[in-house]
């Protein structure tokens, strides 16, 4: 199976919808995504992601299924004490790099820059939710990777329309990358396309493959 992650178009964050440019970007996505053989479409419940998904769903004649767990990440202090950069994950990843702290550390949740950040709770929700979604398609988490319970004749493809933060959390979990590293690695542009390919064969702990990262070729001239 292939998972096509798509970030929403240029947003009006205040009203949680797309700008006029964002709507043009979402329309430009359609022809590009038709190449991918998408069979299911999922979206974050937030307006800017759902609105980005609609043109593709309408062209393909598919419903948009809501993945509540792909809601954008929430960050900030868990109490009244301030946290670095108000808990902004990308700023924290940059700061870890500046301080010489490896973004690949598996104990990153205990890092002083993260441990009092409520982003941990929403990352947990993304990781749990993406595992439940993949289980629907026969991929069951087993340690760091996934067992596949049946062999596919060909790769099926689903699309997940969401956000920079929740996509980074999902991609990091699927690929077994610590969140700070995934956050620093995947700076996904508006309507950027990132594709992960799971093994089509049945088997134990098959290794996912990053097939494409942040493709924005459809945006030329926009």
Protein backbone atom coordinates (compact mmCIF):
# COMPACT_ATOMS: atom_id res chain seq x y z
CA UNK A 1 0.00 0.00 0.00
CA UNK A 2 1.05 3.58 -0.66
CA UNK A 3 0.11 6.52 1.55
CA UNK A 4 0.03 9.92 -0.14
CA UNK A 5 0.34 12.66 2.47
CA UNK A 6 -0.80 16.08 1.24
CA UNK A 7 -0.47 19.29 3.22
CA UNK A 8 -3.33 21.77 2.91
CA UNK A 9 -3.17 24.75 0.58
CA UNK A 10 -2.31 28.30 1.59
CA UNK A 11 -4.55 28.92 4.62
CA UNK A 12 -6.55 31.62 6.26
CA UNK A 13 -5.67 30.39 9.74
CA UNK A 14 -8.12 32.73 11.49
CA UNK A 15 -11.12 31.30 9.65
CA UNK A 16 -9.64 27.81 9.14
CA UNK A 17 -10.18 27.80 5.39
CA UNK A 18 -8.16 28.33 2.24
CA UNK A 19 -7.21 31.67 0.75
CA UNK A 20 -7.99 32.29 -2.90
CA UNK A 21 -4.44 31.19 -3.71
CA UNK A 22 -4.96 28.10 -1.58
CA UNK A 23 -8.06 27.17 -3.57
CA UNK A 24 -6.07 27.54 -6.80
CA UNK A 25 -3.39 25.27 -5.33
CA UNK A 26 -6.01 22.67 -4.37
CA UNK A 27 -7.38 22.67 -7.93
CA UNK A 28 -3.85 22.34 -9.34
CA UNK A 29 -3.39 19.24 -7.17
CA UNK A 30 -6.14 17.32 -8.91
CA UNK A 31 -4.41 16.41 -12.18
CA UNK A 32 -1.21 15.59 -10.28
CA UNK A 33 -2.99 13.26 -7.84
CA UNK A 34 -4.91 11.51 -10.62
CA UNK A 35 -1.55 9.93 -11.52
CA UNK A 36 -1.38 8.13 -8.16
CA UNK A 37 -4.32 5.72 -8.45
CA UNK A 38 -5.92 6.89 -5.19
CA UNK A 39 -8.66 4.61 -3.88
CA UNK A 40 -9.49 6.20 -0.50
CA UNK A 41 -9.30 9.81 0.66
CA UNK A 42 -8.87 10.85 4.28
CA UNK A 43 -8.74 14.34 5.71
CA UNK A 44 -8.05 16.08 8.96
CA UNK A 45 -11.29 17.49 10.39
CA UNK A 46 -9.94 21.03 10.04
CA UNK A 47 -11.45 23.19 7.32
CA UNK A 48 -8.27 24.03 5.46
CA UNK A 49 -7.37 20.35 4.99
CA UNK A 50 -10.92 19.26 4.10
CA UNK A 51 -11.25 22.08 1.57
CA UNK A 52 -7.95 21.02 -0.03
CA UNK A 53 -9.18 17.43 -0.36
CA UNK A 54 -12.56 18.21 -1.92
CA UNK A 55 -11.55 18.96 -5.55
CA UNK A 56 -9.62 15.68 -5.83
CA UNK A 57 -12.40 13.73 -4.11
CA UNK A 58 -15.02 15.19 -6.42
CA UNK A 59 -12.98 14.40 -9.55
CA UNK A 60 -12.43 10.82 -8.39
CA UNK A 61 -15.99 10.37 -7.15
CA UNK A 62 -14.77 9.40 -3.68
CA UNK A 63 -16.04 10.47 -0.26
CA UNK A 64 -13.73 12.34 2.09
CA UNK A 65 -13.31 10.24 5.23
CA UNK A 66 -12.42 12.15 8.38
CA UNK A 67 -9.31 11.20 10.35
CA UNK A 68 -9.83 13.08 13.61
CA UNK A 69 -6.32 12.23 14.81
CA UNK A 70 -4.72 14.16 11.90
CA UNK A 71 -5.94 17.46 13.38
CA UNK A 72 -3.05 19.91 13.49
CA UNK A 73 -0.77 19.53 16.49
CA UNK A 74 -1.41 21.60 19.60
CA UNK A 75 1.62 22.96 21.42
CA UNK A 76 2.43 25.15 24.39
CA UNK A 77 3.06 24.83 28.10
CA UNK A 78 1.20 22.16 30.07
CA UNK A 79 1.12 24.58 33.02
CA UNK A 80 1.54 28.29 33.61
CA UNK A 81 5.31 28.18 33.31
CA UNK A 82 6.71 29.36 29.96
CA UNK A 83 8.36 26.91 27.56
CA UNK A 84 10.90 27.59 24.84
CA UNK A 85 9.39 29.33 21.77
CA UNK A 86 5.94 28.75 23.28
CA UNK A 87 6.45 25.07 22.47
CA UNK A 88 6.65 25.53 18.69
CA UNK A 89 8.07 22.16 17.47
CA UNK A 90 9.98 23.50 14.47
CA UNK A 91 11.69 26.18 16.57
CA UNK A 92 12.57 23.53 19.15
CA UNK A 93 14.08 21.27 16.50
CA UNK A 94 16.20 24.18 15.28
CA UNK A 95 17.26 24.99 18.85
CA UNK A 96 18.24 21.37 19.52
CA UNK A 97 20.46 21.52 16.46
CA UNK A 98 22.03 24.80 17.58
CA UNK A 99 22.75 23.29 21.00
CA UNK A 100 24.35 20.24 19.46
CA UNK A 101 21.59 17.91 20.70
CA UNK A 102 21.03 15.04 18.29
CA UNK A 103 17.53 15.08 16.81
CA UNK A 104 17.79 11.29 16.55
CA UNK A 105 17.78 10.69 20.31
CA UNK A 106 15.11 8.19 21.30
CA UNK A 107 14.67 9.90 24.69
CA UNK A 108 13.64 13.18 23.08
CA UNK A 109 10.43 13.33 25.13
CA UNK A 110 12.55 13.86 28.26
CA UNK A 111 14.47 16.73 26.66
CA UNK A 112 13.98 19.98 28.62
CA UNK A 113 12.63 21.63 25.45
CA UNK A 114 9.84 19.06 25.04
CA UNK A 115 8.95 17.45 28.35
CA UNK A 116 6.54 20.20 29.51
CA UNK A 117 5.06 20.77 26.07
CA UNK A 118 1.48 19.69 25.46
CA UNK A 119 2.48 18.78 21.90
CA UNK A 120 3.41 15.37 23.33
CA UNK A 121 -0.26 14.56 23.86
CA UNK A 122 -1.25 15.36 20.29
CA UNK A 123 1.74 13.47 18.87
CA UNK A 124 0.59 10.43 20.86
CA UNK A 125 -2.88 10.81 19.31
CA UNK A 126 -1.42 10.94 15.78
CA UNK A 127 0.73 7.86 16.38
CA UNK A 128 -2.15 5.86 17.83
CA UNK A 129 -4.51 7.00 15.09
CA UNK A 130 -2.21 6.25 12.17
CA UNK A 131 -1.62 2.75 13.56
CA UNK A 132 -5.38 2.19 13.76
CA UNK A 133 -5.78 3.43 10.18
CA UNK A 134 -3.00 1.20 8.85
CA UNK A 135 -4.50 -1.78 10.68
CA UNK A 136 -7.66 -1.26 8.62
CA UNK A 137 -5.53 -1.96 5.54
CA UNK A 138 -3.79 -5.00 7.02
CA UNK A 139 -0.65 -3.38 8.50
CA UNK A 140 -0.30 -4.00 12.22
CA UNK A 141 2.32 -2.28 14.33
CA UNK A 142 4.84 -4.67 15.81
CA UNK A 143 7.64 -2.85 17.62
CA UNK A 144 9.26 -0.35 15.28
CA UNK A 145 7.52 -1.41 12.05
CA UNK A 146 4.48 -3.27 10.73
CA UNK A 147 3.42 -6.84 10.07
CA UNK A 148 1.35 -7.23 6.90
CA UNK A 149 -1.41 -9.79 7.20
CA UNK A 150 -2.08 -10.45 3.51
CA UNK A 151 -0.40 -10.16 0.14
CA UNK A 152 -1.66 -7.54 -2.29
CA UNK A 153 -1.78 -8.16 -6.02
CA UNK A 154 -0.74 -4.52 -6.49
CA UNK A 155 -0.12 -1.53 -4.32
CA UNK A 156 -3.34 0.12 -3.20
CA UNK A 157 -3.08 3.88 -2.61
CA UNK A 158 -4.75 6.16 -0.09
CA UNK A 159 -4.42 9.92 0.33
CA UNK A 160 -4.29 11.75 3.66
CA UNK A 161 -4.83 15.52 3.58
CA UNK A 162 -3.59 17.21 6.72
CA UNK A 163 -1.01 19.62 8.14
CA UNK A 164 2.70 20.15 8.45
CA UNK A 165 2.87 19.08 12.09
CA UNK A 166 0.53 16.10 12.08
CA UNK A 167 2.05 14.85 8.81
CA UNK A 168 5.55 15.05 10.34
CA UNK A 169 4.34 13.13 13.40
CA UNK A 170 2.69 10.43 11.26
CA UNK A 171 5.65 10.12 8.89
CA UNK A 172 8.10 9.94 11.77
CA UNK A 173 6.10 7.20 13.43
CA UNK A 174 5.67 5.11 10.28
CA UNK A 175 9.36 5.42 9.39
CA UNK A 176 10.52 5.01 13.00
CA UNK A 177 12.12 8.45 13.17
CA UNK A 178 12.10 10.51 16.39
CA UNK A 179 9.61 13.36 16.11
CA UNK A 180 12.20 16.20 16.38
CA UNK A 181 14.12 14.68 13.46
CA UNK A 182 10.94 14.23 11.38
CA UNK A 183 9.87 17.75 12.26
CA UNK A 184 13.20 19.19 11.13
CA UNK A 185 13.39 16.93 8.07
CA UNK A 186 9.89 17.32 6.61
CA UNK A 187 9.32 21.03 6.02
CA UNK A 188 6.30 20.39 3.81
CA UNK A 189 5.12 23.19 1.52
CA UNK A 190 1.46 24.08 1.00
CA UNK A 191 -0.04 21.20 -1.04
CA UNK A 192 3.34 19.43 -0.94
CA UNK A 193 3.04 15.69 -1.66
CA UNK A 194 4.94 13.08 0.35
CA UNK A 195 4.52 9.35 -0.34
CA UNK A 196 5.34 6.36 1.85
CA UNK A 197 5.20 2.88 0.33
CA UNK A 198 4.53 -0.12 2.54
CA UNK A 199 5.52 -3.63 1.42
CA UNK A 200 2.80 -5.30 -0.67
CA UNK A 201 3.92 -8.75 0.43
CA UNK A 202 2.62 -10.48 3.54
CA UNK A 203 5.26 -10.72 6.19
CA UNK A 204 6.78 -9.77 9.50
CA UNK A 205 7.96 -6.22 10.23
CA UNK A 206 8.35 -5.10 6.63
CA UNK A 207 10.31 -1.86 6.20
CA UNK A 208 8.39 1.17 4.83
CA UNK A 209 9.98 3.15 2.00
CA UNK A 210 9.95 6.92 1.50
CA UNK A 211 9.01 7.12 -2.17
CA UNK A 212 8.65 10.90 -2.55
CA UNK A 213 9.08 13.93 -0.30
CA UNK A 214 7.44 17.35 -0.61
CA UNK A 215 6.74 17.31 -4.32
CA UNK A 216 5.33 20.65 -5.40
CA UNK A 217 5.77 20.42 -9.16
CA UNK A 218 2.07 21.09 -9.69
CA UNK A 219 2.56 24.61 -8.27
CA UNK A 220 4.74 25.92 -11.09
CA UNK A 221 3.46 29.33 -12.09
CA UNK A 222 1.10 29.64 -9.10
